[in-house]
């Protein structure tokens, strides 16, 4: 097992990777105690059953520069292969402002190849690589040093088996002419907006059924304060206040430390002066917000005139298409998409890109009465009228 802790050794490995068609990559990180993920380990492996596989340790090598890795990410001749890449990519985007290009995510590819929704790495290892994983090190503290042999072996297994999985999935995509489908999904993962949380928009992540403009104004100011504080001090949002406490405060609207102290849901951390002062200031700002500046609830879903019979037919069509294509139905269209189509909406994700080809085109034909659905045994068929 080789562990890299210097910029020179990292540069040498990345230079070797540039001569290969692909490199598999994974990370281990911690996020329980911070707002931003703390990168603890990077694993990489080159092609071939005995291809070079290494651990890159940014903790033991605290002076090591990640620039050679970022340079590899920009090298378009080598595909960078991840499994469930979103959190890995967020780390690299936040720290290096770079995305791997080209990118391949085996979880997305597996959904397109019929392995169901959000398929786990362990499942792919068993079904494609025909191996078993030792997951005993899954929940260890990756920031502690030295790493045990079991931890190192577990970490490397996340990239060595990934080689077999990538080659098999890439072959299936090419065979079924679905490579473009995966590329469309990956464009979301490499969009900076996916990883950028603006404090002004943080209130949209707080779930509430209340539509009162004044209530939402206080929610918006509290969520903005929480996001700014958490980002600035690099602490989890929940350490500032949890959503249930935020909603309680938006309802009770304390105006003094004494009133704030009566909160049932605010944790001890949130009662510290620097947070408490920010909470009271946010509530005051929400109460003083001009009516025209108050956030507006999204009532578009409630205002949809959904044809329930047509929505049910679309669900049957989706299930038939999903089974026919071997693609997870939730990847093709959500329940909200189906209701929107049944209500006459056409600006729907299920009617764009590869989803239009797989499902959307026939969904529109069904809405227009150009096709019907029939059953033969357990099979649902599309009949052109």
Protein backbone atom coordinates (compact mmCIF):
# COMPACT_ATOMS: atom_id res chain seq x y z
CA UNK A 1 0.00 0.00 0.00
CA UNK A 2 1.53 3.31 -1.08
CA UNK A 3 0.63 6.56 0.65
CA UNK A 4 1.46 9.91 -0.94
CA UNK A 5 2.23 12.83 1.36
CA UNK A 6 4.36 15.14 -0.83
CA UNK A 7 3.60 17.38 -3.80
CA UNK A 8 6.39 15.71 -5.81
CA UNK A 9 4.96 12.19 -5.35
CA UNK A 10 1.44 13.39 -6.10
CA UNK A 11 2.66 15.11 -9.28
CA UNK A 12 4.43 11.93 -10.41
CA UNK A 13 1.30 9.79 -9.93
CA UNK A 14 -0.95 12.33 -11.66
CA UNK A 15 1.48 12.58 -14.57
CA UNK A 16 1.32 8.78 -14.96
CA UNK A 17 -2.48 8.96 -14.83
CA UNK A 18 -2.50 11.39 -17.76
CA UNK A 19 -1.23 8.61 -20.04
CA UNK A 20 -4.18 6.37 -19.07
CA UNK A 21 -7.73 6.34 -20.49
CA UNK A 22 -9.20 6.72 -17.00
CA UNK A 23 -8.42 6.95 -13.28
CA UNK A 24 -10.77 5.94 -10.45
CA UNK A 25 -11.08 8.33 -7.51
CA UNK A 26 -12.79 8.44 -4.12
CA UNK A 27 -12.45 10.49 -0.94
CA UNK A 28 -12.95 10.09 2.79
CA UNK A 29 -14.07 13.16 4.69
CA UNK A 30 -15.77 14.41 7.85
CA UNK A 31 -18.67 16.85 8.02
CA UNK A 32 -20.34 16.22 11.36
CA UNK A 33 -18.60 19.10 13.11
CA UNK A 34 -18.12 21.58 10.24
CA UNK A 35 -20.11 23.44 7.57
CA UNK A 36 -17.60 22.57 4.85
CA UNK A 37 -16.43 18.98 4.46
CA UNK A 38 -12.96 18.29 5.87
CA UNK A 39 -10.96 16.29 3.33
CA UNK A 40 -9.15 13.44 5.08
CA UNK A 41 -8.03 11.07 2.34
CA UNK A 42 -8.04 10.64 -1.44
CA UNK A 43 -7.84 7.23 -3.11
CA UNK A 44 -6.88 6.74 -6.76
CA UNK A 45 -6.27 3.75 -8.99
CA UNK A 46 -5.05 3.32 -12.57
CA UNK A 47 -6.53 0.80 -15.05
CA UNK A 48 -5.75 -2.91 -14.97
CA UNK A 49 -6.33 -5.52 -12.29
CA UNK A 50 -2.88 -4.83 -10.86
CA UNK A 51 -2.81 -1.15 -11.85
CA UNK A 52 -1.14 1.27 -9.46
CA UNK A 53 -3.41 2.28 -6.56
CA UNK A 54 -2.48 4.90 -3.98
CA UNK A 55 -3.72 6.79 -0.95
CA UNK A 56 -3.17 10.55 -0.92
CA UNK A 57 -3.05 11.79 2.67
CA UNK A 58 -3.57 15.59 3.00
CA UNK A 59 -3.47 15.35 6.80
CA UNK A 60 -0.12 13.57 7.11
CA UNK A 61 1.13 15.69 4.21
CA UNK A 62 -0.20 19.02 5.44
CA UNK A 63 2.24 20.97 3.22
CA UNK A 64 1.29 19.02 0.08
CA UNK A 65 -0.27 21.04 -2.74
CA UNK A 66 -3.35 19.62 -4.49
CA UNK A 67 -2.52 21.46 -7.71
CA UNK A 68 -1.14 18.32 -9.47
CA UNK A 69 -4.50 16.63 -8.82
CA UNK A 70 -6.41 19.66 -10.09
CA UNK A 71 -4.20 19.66 -13.19
CA UNK A 72 -5.20 16.01 -13.75
CA UNK A 73 -8.84 17.03 -13.37
CA UNK A 74 -8.37 19.49 -16.25
CA UNK A 75 -6.67 16.87 -18.46
CA UNK A 76 -9.40 15.96 -20.96
CA UNK A 77 -7.75 12.78 -22.29
CA UNK A 78 -8.26 10.93 -18.98
CA UNK A 79 -11.74 10.17 -17.65
CA UNK A 80 -12.12 10.72 -13.91
CA UNK A 81 -14.33 7.97 -12.48
CA UNK A 82 -16.26 8.37 -9.19
CA UNK A 83 -19.17 6.62 -7.51
CA UNK A 84 -21.87 8.97 -6.14
CA UNK A 85 -19.62 11.93 -6.87
CA UNK A 86 -21.67 14.84 -5.53
CA UNK A 87 -19.99 15.25 -2.13
CA UNK A 88 -16.54 14.54 -3.55
CA UNK A 89 -17.03 17.20 -6.21
CA UNK A 90 -18.26 19.72 -3.66
CA UNK A 91 -14.98 19.33 -1.73
CA UNK A 92 -12.85 19.92 -4.83
CA UNK A 93 -15.00 22.81 -6.02
CA UNK A 94 -14.90 24.58 -2.64
CA UNK A 95 -11.16 24.04 -2.14
CA UNK A 96 -9.86 24.24 -5.71
CA UNK A 97 -12.65 25.79 -7.79
CA UNK A 98 -12.27 22.94 -10.27
CA UNK A 99 -14.39 20.04 -11.56
CA UNK A 100 -13.04 16.79 -13.06
CA UNK A 101 -13.38 16.88 -16.84
CA UNK A 102 -14.36 14.50 -18.30
CA UNK A 103 -16.30 12.94 -15.42
CA UNK A 104 -18.02 9.56 -15.06
CA UNK A 105 -20.28 8.70 -12.12
CA UNK A 106 -20.96 4.97 -11.78
CA UNK A 107 -24.05 5.52 -9.61
CA UNK A 108 -25.75 7.56 -12.32
CA UNK A 109 -24.59 5.14 -15.02
CA UNK A 110 -25.92 2.20 -12.99
CA UNK A 111 -29.38 3.81 -12.72
CA UNK A 112 -29.44 4.22 -16.49
CA UNK A 113 -28.33 0.59 -16.88
CA UNK A 114 -31.18 -0.86 -14.80
CA UNK A 115 -29.73 -1.16 -11.29
CA UNK A 116 -32.49 0.87 -9.67
CA UNK A 117 -32.46 4.24 -7.92
CA UNK A 118 -29.44 5.44 -5.89
CA UNK A 119 -27.69 2.07 -6.16
CA UNK A 120 -24.91 1.61 -3.61
CA UNK A 121 -21.27 0.84 -4.38
CA UNK A 122 -21.39 -2.43 -2.43
CA UNK A 123 -24.23 -3.68 -4.63
CA UNK A 124 -22.28 -2.93 -7.81
CA UNK A 125 -19.18 -4.66 -6.42
CA UNK A 126 -21.22 -7.80 -5.77
CA UNK A 127 -23.16 -7.80 -9.05
CA UNK A 128 -20.49 -6.61 -11.48
CA UNK A 129 -17.08 -7.25 -9.89
CA UNK A 130 -18.34 -10.46 -8.16
CA UNK A 131 -16.52 -9.47 -4.95
CA UNK A 132 -17.53 -8.77 -1.36
CA UNK A 133 -16.59 -5.64 0.58
CA UNK A 134 -15.48 -5.47 4.19
CA UNK A 135 -17.44 -2.45 5.44
CA UNK A 136 -16.28 -2.53 9.08
CA UNK A 137 -14.26 0.68 8.59
CA UNK A 138 -17.14 2.62 7.03
CA UNK A 139 -17.89 4.80 10.07
CA UNK A 140 -14.40 5.34 11.43
CA UNK A 141 -12.89 8.76 12.15
CA UNK A 142 -10.85 9.42 9.01
CA UNK A 143 -9.15 12.45 10.54
CA UNK A 144 -7.22 10.42 13.12
CA UNK A 145 -3.67 9.27 12.41
CA UNK A 146 -2.13 6.79 11.94
CA UNK A 147 -4.64 4.98 9.74
CA UNK A 148 -5.00 1.29 10.51
CA UNK A 149 -4.30 -1.39 7.90
CA UNK A 150 -8.03 -2.17 7.84
CA UNK A 151 -8.85 1.47 7.10
CA UNK A 152 -6.32 1.64 4.28
CA UNK A 153 -7.57 -1.61 2.71
CA UNK A 154 -11.18 -0.42 2.96
CA UNK A 155 -10.29 2.91 1.34
CA UNK A 156 -8.40 1.30 -1.55
CA UNK A 157 -11.25 -1.14 -2.21
CA UNK A 158 -13.40 1.87 -3.06
CA UNK A 159 -11.28 2.54 -6.15
CA UNK A 160 -9.82 -0.84 -7.14
CA UNK A 161 -13.20 -2.54 -7.71
CA UNK A 162 -14.42 0.67 -9.32
CA UNK A 163 -12.21 -0.09 -12.34
CA UNK A 164 -14.17 -3.24 -13.23
CA UNK A 165 -17.48 -1.50 -12.57
CA UNK A 166 -16.59 1.48 -14.78
CA UNK A 167 -15.45 -0.64 -17.72
CA UNK A 168 -18.61 -2.79 -17.56
CA UNK A 169 -21.00 0.15 -17.27
CA UNK A 170 -19.25 2.15 -19.97
CA UNK A 171 -19.57 -0.86 -22.26
CA UNK A 172 -23.29 -1.21 -21.51
CA UNK A 173 -23.93 2.47 -22.15
CA UNK A 174 -22.16 2.30 -25.50
CA UNK A 175 -24.04 -0.87 -26.42
CA UNK A 176 -27.42 0.69 -25.59
CA UNK A 177 -26.53 4.12 -27.02
CA UNK A 178 -27.14 5.78 -23.64
CA UNK A 179 -23.80 7.46 -23.02
CA UNK A 180 -25.43 10.82 -23.82
CA UNK A 181 -28.08 10.19 -21.15
CA UNK A 182 -25.40 9.96 -18.46
CA UNK A 183 -23.57 13.01 -19.82
CA UNK A 184 -26.76 15.08 -19.46
CA UNK A 185 -27.10 14.04 -15.81
CA UNK A 186 -23.45 14.81 -15.13
CA UNK A 187 -23.89 18.39 -16.32
CA UNK A 188 -25.82 19.05 -13.09
CA UNK A 189 -22.94 17.72 -10.99
CA UNK A 190 -20.46 20.05 -12.69
CA UNK A 191 -22.61 23.17 -12.34
CA UNK A 192 -21.23 25.53 -9.66
CA UNK A 193 -24.80 26.46 -8.72
CA UNK A 194 -25.26 22.92 -7.39
CA UNK A 195 -22.79 23.63 -4.59
CA UNK A 196 -23.37 27.33 -3.97
CA UNK A 197 -25.74 28.23 -1.15
CA UNK A 198 -26.69 31.90 -1.09
CA UNK A 199 -27.80 33.08 2.38
CA UNK A 200 -30.65 35.07 0.76
CA UNK A 201 -32.05 31.81 -0.62
CA UNK A 202 -31.47 29.63 2.45
CA UNK A 203 -35.12 30.02 3.56
CA UNK A 204 -36.21 27.94 0.57
CA UNK A 205 -34.65 24.88 2.26
CA UNK A 206 -36.84 25.29 5.35
CA UNK A 207 -40.05 23.26 5.02
CA UNK A 208 -43.18 25.01 6.24
CA UNK A 209 -46.83 24.97 5.24
CA UNK A 210 -47.43 28.51 6.45
CA UNK A 211 -48.01 31.01 3.63
CA UNK A 212 -48.11 34.19 5.74
CA UNK A 213 -45.82 36.78 4.20
CA UNK A 214 -44.76 38.16 7.58
CA UNK A 215 -44.00 34.68 8.94
CA UNK A 216 -41.94 33.86 5.85
CA UNK A 217 -40.13 37.19 6.15
CA UNK A 218 -38.93 36.22 9.64
CA UNK A 219 -38.04 32.72 8.41
CA UNK A 220 -36.01 34.26 5.60
CA UNK A 221 -34.04 36.55 7.94
CA UNK A 222 -33.41 33.78 10.48
CA UNK A 223 -32.28 31.39 7.73
CA UNK A 224 -30.04 34.08 6.24
CA UNK A 225 -28.39 34.75 9.62
CA UNK A 226 -27.92 31.01 10.26
CA UNK A 227 -26.32 30.44 6.86
CA UNK A 228 -23.96 33.41 7.12
CA UNK A 229 -22.90 32.48 10.66
CA UNK A 230 -22.40 28.79 9.80
CA UNK A 231 -20.36 29.59 6.69
CA UNK A 232 -18.23 32.21 8.44
CA UNK A 233 -17.37 30.04 11.44
CA UNK A 234 -17.42 26.73 9.50
CA UNK A 235 -19.92 25.07 11.83
CA UNK A 236 -22.99 22.95 10.93
CA UNK A 237 -26.27 24.82 10.52
CA UNK A 238 -27.78 22.67 13.26
CA UNK A 239 -25.21 24.00 15.73
CA UNK A 240 -26.64 27.49 15.22
CA UNK A 241 -30.28 26.35 15.31
CA UNK A 242 -32.25 23.47 13.89
CA UNK A 243 -35.18 23.97 11.54
CA UNK A 244 -37.78 23.23 14.22
CA UNK A 245 -36.25 25.90 16.48
CA UNK A 246 -36.11 28.37 13.58
CA UNK A 247 -39.82 27.85 12.85
CA UNK A 248 -40.67 28.16 16.54
CA UNK A 249 -38.83 31.49 16.74
CA UNK A 250 -40.54 32.73 13.56
CA UNK A 251 -43.84 32.00 15.26
CA UNK A 252 -43.13 33.34 18.79
CA UNK A 253 -40.91 36.25 17.59
CA UNK A 254 -39.04 37.03 20.82
CA UNK A 255 -37.73 40.59 21.10
CA UNK A 256 -35.47 40.26 24.15
CA UNK A 257 -32.98 37.85 25.68
CA UNK A 258 -35.54 37.01 28.35
CA UNK A 259 -38.18 36.07 25.78
CA UNK A 260 -35.63 34.17 23.72
CA UNK A 261 -34.74 32.17 26.83
CA UNK A 262 -38.26 30.75 26.90
CA UNK A 263 -37.75 28.93 23.60
CA UNK A 264 -38.39 25.21 24.01
CA UNK A 265 -36.42 24.09 20.96
CA UNK A 266 -33.38 26.37 20.79
CA UNK A 267 -30.27 24.45 21.86
CA UNK A 268 -27.73 25.72 24.39
CA UNK A 269 -25.36 26.68 21.57
CA UNK A 270 -27.99 29.01 20.13
CA UNK A 271 -28.33 30.87 23.42
CA UNK A 272 -24.74 32.12 23.35
CA UNK A 273 -24.59 35.94 23.03
CA UNK A 274 -23.15 36.09 19.49
CA UNK A 275 -25.88 33.77 18.17
CA UNK A 276 -28.69 35.10 20.38
CA UNK A 277 -27.97 38.69 19.29
CA UNK A 278 -28.04 37.59 15.65
CA UNK A 279 -31.35 35.78 16.14
CA UNK A 280 -33.01 38.81 17.73
CA UNK A 281 -31.67 41.11 14.99
CA UNK A 282 -32.96 38.72 12.31
CA UNK A 283 -36.43 38.59 13.86
CA UNK A 284 -36.51 42.39 14.05
CA UNK A 285 -35.46 42.65 10.38
CA UNK A 286 -38.18 40.20 9.36
CA UNK A 287 -40.85 42.11 11.28
CA UNK A 288 -39.75 45.40 9.70
CA UNK A 289 -39.54 44.05 6.14
CA UNK A 290 -41.68 45.97 3.66
CA UNK A 291 -44.64 43.99 2.27
CA UNK A 292 -43.29 44.22 -1.29
CA UNK A 293 -40.01 42.63 -0.16
CA UNK A 294 -41.59 39.71 1.69
CA UNK A 295 -40.93 36.25 0.21
CA UNK A 296 -43.76 34.79 -1.79
CA UNK A 297 -44.72 31.14 -1.24
CA UNK A 298 -44.71 28.88 -4.30
CA UNK A 299 -48.38 28.07 -4.81
CA UNK A 300 -47.99 26.82 -8.37
CA UNK A 301 -48.40 23.17 -7.35
CA UNK A 302 -51.61 23.91 -5.43
CA UNK A 303 -53.03 25.85 -8.37
CA UNK A 304 -52.48 23.06 -10.89
CA UNK A 305 -55.71 21.72 -12.39
CA UNK A 306 -54.60 18.10 -12.52
CA UNK A 307 -56.64 15.61 -14.53
CA UNK A 308 -56.42 12.63 -12.11
CA UNK A 309 -57.38 10.00 -14.70
CA UNK A 310 -54.71 11.27 -17.10
CA UNK A 311 -52.15 11.39 -14.26
CA UNK A 312 -52.90 7.72 -13.51
CA UNK A 313 -52.44 6.81 -17.18
CA UNK A 314 -49.11 8.63 -17.23
CA UNK A 315 -48.00 6.61 -14.19
CA UNK A 316 -48.83 3.38 -16.03
CA UNK A 317 -46.94 4.61 -19.10
CA UNK A 318 -43.94 5.55 -16.96
CA UNK A 319 -43.87 2.13 -15.31
CA UNK A 320 -44.06 0.44 -18.70
CA UNK A 321 -41.25 2.58 -20.12
CA UNK A 322 -39.12 2.06 -17.01
CA UNK A 323 -39.42 -1.72 -17.25
CA UNK A 324 -38.87 -1.71 -21.01
CA UNK A 325 -35.72 0.43 -20.79
CA UNK A 326 -34.41 -0.97 -17.51
CA UNK A 327 -34.14 2.54 -16.05
CA UNK A 328 -35.33 3.58 -12.58
CA UNK A 329 -38.71 5.30 -13.02
CA UNK A 330 -37.85 8.07 -10.53
CA UNK A 331 -34.84 8.96 -12.66
CA UNK A 332 -37.09 9.43 -15.68
CA UNK A 333 -39.93 11.41 -14.08
CA UNK A 334 -41.12 12.36 -10.61
CA UNK A 335 -44.71 12.25 -9.36
CA UNK A 336 -44.71 16.06 -9.53
CA UNK A 337 -43.64 15.88 -13.20
CA UNK A 338 -46.54 13.56 -14.01
CA UNK A 339 -49.10 15.78 -12.25
CA UNK A 340 -47.72 18.84 -14.04
CA UNK A 341 -47.99 17.15 -17.45
CA UNK A 342 -51.53 16.00 -16.63
CA UNK A 343 -52.37 19.62 -15.77
CA UNK A 344 -51.14 20.85 -19.15
CA UNK A 345 -47.73 22.11 -18.07
CA UNK A 346 -44.95 21.64 -20.61
CA UNK A 347 -41.95 23.26 -18.89
CA UNK A 348 -41.21 19.98 -17.12
CA UNK A 349 -37.88 18.18 -16.74
CA UNK A 350 -39.40 14.88 -17.92
CA UNK A 351 -40.08 16.56 -21.29
CA UNK A 352 -36.45 17.57 -21.89
CA UNK A 353 -33.25 15.90 -23.04
CA UNK A 354 -32.95 12.12 -22.90
CA UNK A 355 -36.10 11.92 -20.77
CA UNK A 356 -38.14 13.23 -23.69
CA UNK A 357 -36.72 10.47 -25.85
CA UNK A 358 -37.33 7.79 -23.22
CA UNK A 359 -40.75 8.89 -21.96
CA UNK A 360 -41.78 12.48 -22.67
CA UNK A 361 -42.59 12.08 -26.36
CA UNK A 362 -45.06 9.27 -25.72
CA UNK A 363 -46.40 11.11 -22.65
CA UNK A 364 -47.39 14.03 -24.88
CA UNK A 365 -48.91 11.67 -27.43
CA UNK A 366 -50.97 10.07 -24.66
CA UNK A 367 -52.20 13.52 -23.60
CA UNK A 368 -53.22 14.29 -27.20
CA UNK A 369 -55.05 10.98 -27.66
CA UNK A 370 -52.58 9.79 -30.29
CA UNK A 371 -51.71 6.59 -28.41
CA UNK A 372 -53.48 4.24 -26.00
CA UNK A 373 -52.30 1.68 -23.46
CA UNK A 374 -53.21 -1.98 -23.59
CA UNK A 375 -52.30 -5.00 -21.51
CA UNK A 376 -51.16 -8.44 -22.56
CA UNK A 377 -50.57 -10.62 -19.56
CA UNK A 378 -48.32 -8.63 -17.23
CA UNK A 379 -47.01 -6.46 -20.08
CA UNK A 380 -48.32 -2.96 -20.79
CA UNK A 381 -48.11 -1.98 -24.45
CA UNK A 382 -48.34 1.34 -26.29
CA UNK A 383 -50.86 1.28 -29.14
CA UNK A 384 -50.78 4.01 -31.78
CA UNK A 385 -54.22 5.27 -32.74
